[in-house]
């Protein structure tokens, strides 16, 4: 479970791990109010001094979050901004280690 906040809406994002490749990737299946799949991958760049992190998800929103319209507005606009902010926070955390 992962607590998620989108604007004023708070929900628990229930996920199952569907794939685990050590030091390479993790797949998830969202099984809560928002459903769908996602994959997180890492790969070394250059001489291994850098790492590329990729986060890809396909989500389906429930009717009360706008259904398909919510997916366009929420997924394409709001969620991109949230993911961008979260990735910046992750980058800052990783770079301090």
N, C-alpha and C. Protein backbone atom coordinates (compact mmCIF):
# COMPACT_ATOMS: atom_id res chain seq x y z
N UNK A 1 0.84 -1.19 0.00
CA UNK A 1 0.00 0.00 0.00
C UNK A 1 0.88 1.24 0.00
N UNK A 2 0.39 2.26 -0.71
CA UNK A 2 1.12 3.52 -0.79
C UNK A 2 0.10 4.65 -0.65
N UNK A 3 0.30 5.53 0.33
CA UNK A 3 -0.59 6.68 0.47
C UNK A 3 -0.28 7.67 -0.63
N UNK A 4 -1.32 8.09 -1.34
CA UNK A 4 -1.17 8.99 -2.48
C UNK A 4 -2.07 10.19 -2.28
N UNK A 5 -1.56 11.37 -2.61
CA UNK A 5 -2.36 12.59 -2.52
C UNK A 5 -2.32 13.27 -3.87
N UNK A 6 -3.49 13.52 -4.43
CA UNK A 6 -3.62 14.24 -5.69
C UNK A 6 -4.49 15.45 -5.40
N UNK A 7 -3.84 16.62 -5.25
CA UNK A 7 -4.58 17.81 -4.85
C UNK A 7 -5.23 17.56 -3.51
N UNK A 8 -6.54 17.80 -3.40
CA UNK A 8 -7.24 17.58 -2.12
C UNK A 8 -7.63 16.12 -1.88
N UNK A 9 -7.44 15.27 -2.89
CA UNK A 9 -7.88 13.87 -2.79
C UNK A 9 -6.76 13.00 -2.25
N UNK A 10 -7.07 12.27 -1.16
CA UNK A 10 -6.11 11.33 -0.59
C UNK A 10 -6.67 9.93 -0.76
N UNK A 11 -5.82 9.00 -1.20
CA UNK A 11 -6.26 7.62 -1.32
C UNK A 11 -5.08 6.69 -1.08
N UNK A 12 -5.41 5.44 -0.80
CA UNK A 12 -4.38 4.43 -0.63
C UNK A 12 -4.26 3.67 -1.94
N UNK A 13 -3.08 3.72 -2.53
CA UNK A 13 -2.81 3.05 -3.80
C UNK A 13 -2.34 1.64 -3.48
N UNK A 14 -3.20 0.66 -3.75
CA UNK A 14 -2.87 -0.75 -3.49
C UNK A 14 -2.16 -1.31 -4.71
N UNK A 15 -1.00 -1.90 -4.48
CA UNK A 15 -0.22 -2.44 -5.59
C UNK A 15 0.28 -3.84 -5.27
N UNK A 16 0.43 -4.63 -6.31
CA UNK A 16 1.06 -5.94 -6.22
C UNK A 16 2.31 -5.90 -7.09
N UNK A 17 3.39 -6.50 -6.61
CA UNK A 17 4.60 -6.60 -7.42
C UNK A 17 4.40 -7.73 -8.42
N UNK A 18 4.56 -7.43 -9.70
CA UNK A 18 4.34 -8.42 -10.76
C UNK A 18 5.63 -8.88 -11.40
N UNK A 19 6.68 -8.12 -11.19
CA UNK A 19 7.98 -8.45 -11.81
C UNK A 19 9.08 -7.90 -10.91
N UNK A 20 10.14 -8.66 -10.76
CA UNK A 20 11.28 -8.20 -9.97
C UNK A 20 12.54 -8.74 -10.60
N UNK A 21 13.32 -7.86 -11.18
CA UNK A 21 14.61 -8.24 -11.75
C UNK A 21 15.64 -7.40 -10.99
N UNK A 22 16.38 -8.02 -10.05
CA UNK A 22 17.33 -7.27 -9.23
C UNK A 22 18.23 -6.36 -10.06
N UNK A 23 18.35 -5.14 -9.59
CA UNK A 23 19.20 -4.11 -10.20
C UNK A 23 18.77 -3.73 -11.61
N UNK A 24 17.53 -4.10 -12.01
CA UNK A 24 17.06 -3.77 -13.36
C UNK A 24 15.64 -3.21 -13.40
N UNK A 25 14.66 -3.94 -12.86
CA UNK A 25 13.28 -3.47 -13.00
C UNK A 25 12.34 -4.03 -11.94
N UNK A 26 11.21 -3.33 -11.80
CA UNK A 26 10.14 -3.77 -10.92
C UNK A 26 8.83 -3.44 -11.62
N UNK A 27 7.95 -4.43 -11.76
CA UNK A 27 6.63 -4.21 -12.33
C UNK A 27 5.59 -4.20 -11.23
N UNK A 28 4.56 -3.38 -11.39
CA UNK A 28 3.49 -3.31 -10.40
C UNK A 28 2.13 -3.38 -11.08
N UNK A 29 1.17 -3.88 -10.32
CA UNK A 29 -0.23 -3.89 -10.76
C UNK A 29 -1.02 -3.13 -9.71
N UNK A 30 -1.68 -2.06 -10.11
CA UNK A 30 -2.51 -1.28 -9.20
C UNK A 30 -3.85 -2.00 -9.07
N UNK A 31 -4.25 -2.31 -7.84
CA UNK A 31 -5.46 -3.10 -7.62
C UNK A 31 -6.47 -2.40 -6.70
N UNK A 32 -6.26 -1.14 -6.42
CA UNK A 32 -7.17 -0.40 -5.55
C UNK A 32 -8.20 0.37 -6.35
N UNK A 33 -8.51 1.58 -5.88
CA UNK A 33 -9.50 2.42 -6.57
C UNK A 33 -9.04 2.78 -7.98
N UNK A 34 -7.77 3.08 -8.12
CA UNK A 34 -7.17 3.30 -9.43
C UNK A 34 -6.50 1.99 -9.82
N UNK A 35 -6.76 1.51 -11.02
CA UNK A 35 -6.19 0.25 -11.47
C UNK A 35 -5.25 0.49 -12.64
N UNK A 36 -4.44 -0.51 -12.95
CA UNK A 36 -3.52 -0.41 -14.08
C UNK A 36 -2.21 -1.09 -13.77
N UNK A 37 -1.23 -0.82 -14.61
CA UNK A 37 0.09 -1.43 -14.46
C UNK A 37 1.18 -0.38 -14.55
N UNK A 38 2.33 -0.73 -14.03
CA UNK A 38 3.48 0.17 -14.09
C UNK A 38 4.77 -0.61 -14.09
N UNK A 39 5.81 0.03 -14.61
CA UNK A 39 7.15 -0.56 -14.62
C UNK A 39 8.15 0.52 -14.26
N UNK A 40 9.05 0.19 -13.35
CA UNK A 40 10.15 1.06 -12.96
C UNK A 40 11.43 0.36 -13.39
N UNK A 41 12.28 1.04 -14.14
CA UNK A 41 13.52 0.41 -14.58
C UNK A 41 14.71 1.31 -14.26
N UNK A 42 15.85 0.67 -14.05
CA UNK A 42 17.10 1.41 -13.90
C UNK A 42 18.12 0.78 -14.84
N UNK A 43 18.98 1.62 -15.39
CA UNK A 43 20.05 1.11 -16.25
C UNK A 43 21.27 2.01 -16.10
N UNK A 44 22.46 1.41 -16.08
CA UNK A 44 23.67 2.21 -15.96
C UNK A 44 23.92 3.00 -17.24
N UNK A 45 24.48 4.18 -17.08
CA UNK A 45 24.86 5.01 -18.22
C UNK A 45 26.36 5.25 -18.19
N UNK A 46 26.92 5.40 -19.38
CA UNK A 46 28.36 5.67 -19.48
C UNK A 46 29.16 4.56 -18.84
N UNK A 47 30.08 4.94 -17.99
CA UNK A 47 30.94 3.95 -17.33
C UNK A 47 30.36 3.48 -16.00
N UNK A 48 29.06 3.64 -15.84
CA UNK A 48 28.41 3.22 -14.60
C UNK A 48 28.36 4.31 -13.55
N UNK A 49 28.85 5.49 -13.91
CA UNK A 49 28.85 6.61 -12.97
C UNK A 49 27.44 7.18 -12.78
N UNK A 50 26.58 6.99 -13.76
CA UNK A 50 25.22 7.52 -13.72
C UNK A 50 24.22 6.38 -13.90
N UNK A 51 22.99 6.64 -13.50
CA UNK A 51 21.92 5.66 -13.65
C UNK A 51 20.71 6.35 -14.25
N UNK A 52 20.10 5.71 -15.23
CA UNK A 52 18.85 6.21 -15.81
C UNK A 52 17.69 5.49 -15.14
N UNK A 53 16.74 6.25 -14.60
CA UNK A 53 15.55 5.70 -13.96
C UNK A 53 14.35 6.02 -14.84
N UNK A 54 13.56 5.01 -15.20
CA UNK A 54 12.37 5.21 -16.03
C UNK A 54 11.15 4.72 -15.27
N UNK A 55 10.10 5.52 -15.29
CA UNK A 55 8.86 5.22 -14.59
C UNK A 55 7.74 5.31 -15.62
N UNK A 56 7.06 4.21 -15.87
CA UNK A 56 6.00 4.18 -16.88
C UNK A 56 4.76 3.51 -16.28
N UNK A 57 3.59 4.16 -16.43
CA UNK A 57 2.36 3.59 -15.89
C UNK A 57 1.20 3.82 -16.84
N UNK A 58 0.27 2.88 -16.83
CA UNK A 58 -1.00 2.99 -17.55
C UNK A 58 -2.08 2.79 -16.49
N UNK A 59 -2.86 3.85 -16.22
CA UNK A 59 -3.82 3.80 -15.13
C UNK A 59 -5.25 3.96 -15.63
N UNK A 60 -6.19 3.35 -14.91
CA UNK A 60 -7.62 3.51 -15.18
C UNK A 60 -8.26 4.12 -13.93
N UNK A 61 -8.92 5.26 -14.12
CA UNK A 61 -9.53 5.97 -13.00
C UNK A 61 -10.98 5.53 -12.81
N UNK A 62 -11.47 5.47 -11.55
CA UNK A 62 -12.87 5.13 -11.31
C UNK A 62 -13.78 6.28 -11.76
N UNK A 63 -15.06 6.00 -11.91
CA UNK A 63 -16.01 7.01 -12.39
C UNK A 63 -16.00 8.26 -11.53
N UNK A 64 -15.87 8.09 -10.19
CA UNK A 64 -15.94 9.25 -9.30
C UNK A 64 -14.69 10.12 -9.34
N UNK A 65 -13.65 9.66 -10.03
CA UNK A 65 -12.48 10.50 -10.30
C UNK A 65 -12.48 10.92 -11.77
N UNK A 66 -13.64 10.81 -12.41
CA UNK A 66 -13.77 11.28 -13.78
C UNK A 66 -13.66 10.22 -14.86
N UNK A 67 -13.39 8.97 -14.48
CA UNK A 67 -13.27 7.89 -15.48
C UNK A 67 -12.29 8.25 -16.58
N UNK A 68 -12.65 8.02 -17.85
CA UNK A 68 -11.74 8.32 -18.97
C UNK A 68 -11.35 9.80 -19.05
N UNK A 69 -12.29 10.71 -18.72
CA UNK A 69 -11.96 12.14 -18.74
C UNK A 69 -10.96 12.44 -17.63
N UNK A 70 -11.17 11.83 -16.47
CA UNK A 70 -10.23 11.99 -15.36
C UNK A 70 -8.85 11.46 -15.71
N UNK A 71 -8.81 10.40 -16.52
CA UNK A 71 -7.52 9.85 -16.95
C UNK A 71 -6.76 10.86 -17.80
N UNK A 72 -7.48 11.54 -18.69
CA UNK A 72 -6.84 12.53 -19.56
C UNK A 72 -6.37 13.72 -18.74
N UNK A 73 -7.30 14.30 -17.97
CA UNK A 73 -6.95 15.48 -17.18
C UNK A 73 -6.01 15.11 -16.05
N UNK A 74 -6.39 14.08 -15.28
CA UNK A 74 -5.58 13.69 -14.13
C UNK A 74 -4.27 13.05 -14.53
N UNK A 75 -4.32 12.14 -15.49
CA UNK A 75 -3.11 11.43 -15.91
C UNK A 75 -2.17 12.27 -16.74
N UNK A 76 -2.71 12.98 -17.70
CA UNK A 76 -1.85 13.72 -18.62
C UNK A 76 -1.41 15.06 -18.08
N UNK A 77 -2.16 15.65 -17.19
CA UNK A 77 -1.80 16.98 -16.70
C UNK A 77 -1.35 16.93 -15.24
N UNK A 78 -2.28 16.57 -14.37
CA UNK A 78 -2.00 16.60 -12.93
C UNK A 78 -0.94 15.57 -12.53
N UNK A 79 -1.13 14.32 -12.95
CA UNK A 79 -0.19 13.27 -12.53
C UNK A 79 1.21 13.50 -13.08
N UNK A 80 1.33 14.02 -14.29
CA UNK A 80 2.67 14.31 -14.82
C UNK A 80 3.39 15.31 -13.93
N UNK A 81 2.67 16.33 -13.47
CA UNK A 81 3.28 17.32 -12.59
C UNK A 81 3.67 16.69 -11.26
N UNK A 82 2.81 15.83 -10.73
CA UNK A 82 3.12 15.15 -9.46
C UNK A 82 4.31 14.23 -9.64
N UNK A 83 4.31 13.41 -10.72
CA UNK A 83 5.43 12.49 -10.95
C UNK A 83 6.73 13.25 -11.17
N UNK A 84 6.67 14.38 -11.87
CA UNK A 84 7.87 15.18 -12.09
C UNK A 84 8.44 15.65 -10.74
N UNK A 85 7.54 16.13 -9.86
CA UNK A 85 7.97 16.58 -8.53
C UNK A 85 8.54 15.41 -7.73
N UNK A 86 7.85 14.25 -7.76
CA UNK A 86 8.33 13.09 -7.02
C UNK A 86 9.68 12.61 -7.53
N UNK A 87 9.88 12.62 -8.84
CA UNK A 87 11.16 12.20 -9.40
C UNK A 87 12.28 13.17 -9.03
N UNK A 88 11.97 14.46 -8.95
CA UNK A 88 12.98 15.43 -8.51
C UNK A 88 13.38 15.16 -7.06
N UNK A 89 12.38 14.82 -6.22
CA UNK A 89 12.68 14.49 -4.83
C UNK A 89 13.52 13.22 -4.74
N UNK A 90 13.17 12.21 -5.55
CA UNK A 90 13.94 10.96 -5.57
C UNK A 90 15.37 11.23 -6.02
N UNK A 91 15.53 12.04 -7.06
CA UNK A 91 16.86 12.39 -7.56
C UNK A 91 17.70 13.05 -6.47
N UNK A 92 17.09 13.99 -5.75
CA UNK A 92 17.81 14.67 -4.67
C UNK A 92 18.22 13.68 -3.58
N UNK A 93 17.33 12.75 -3.23
CA UNK A 93 17.65 11.74 -2.22
C UNK A 93 18.80 10.85 -2.67
N UNK A 94 18.73 10.38 -3.90
CA UNK A 94 19.76 9.47 -4.41
C UNK A 94 21.11 10.18 -4.51
N UNK A 95 21.11 11.43 -4.94
CA UNK A 95 22.37 12.14 -5.12
C UNK A 95 23.04 12.52 -3.81
N UNK A 96 22.31 12.49 -2.69
CA UNK A 96 22.93 12.80 -1.41
C UNK A 96 23.59 11.58 -0.78
N UNK A 97 23.34 10.41 -1.33
CA UNK A 97 23.91 9.17 -0.76
C UNK A 97 25.29 8.92 -1.30
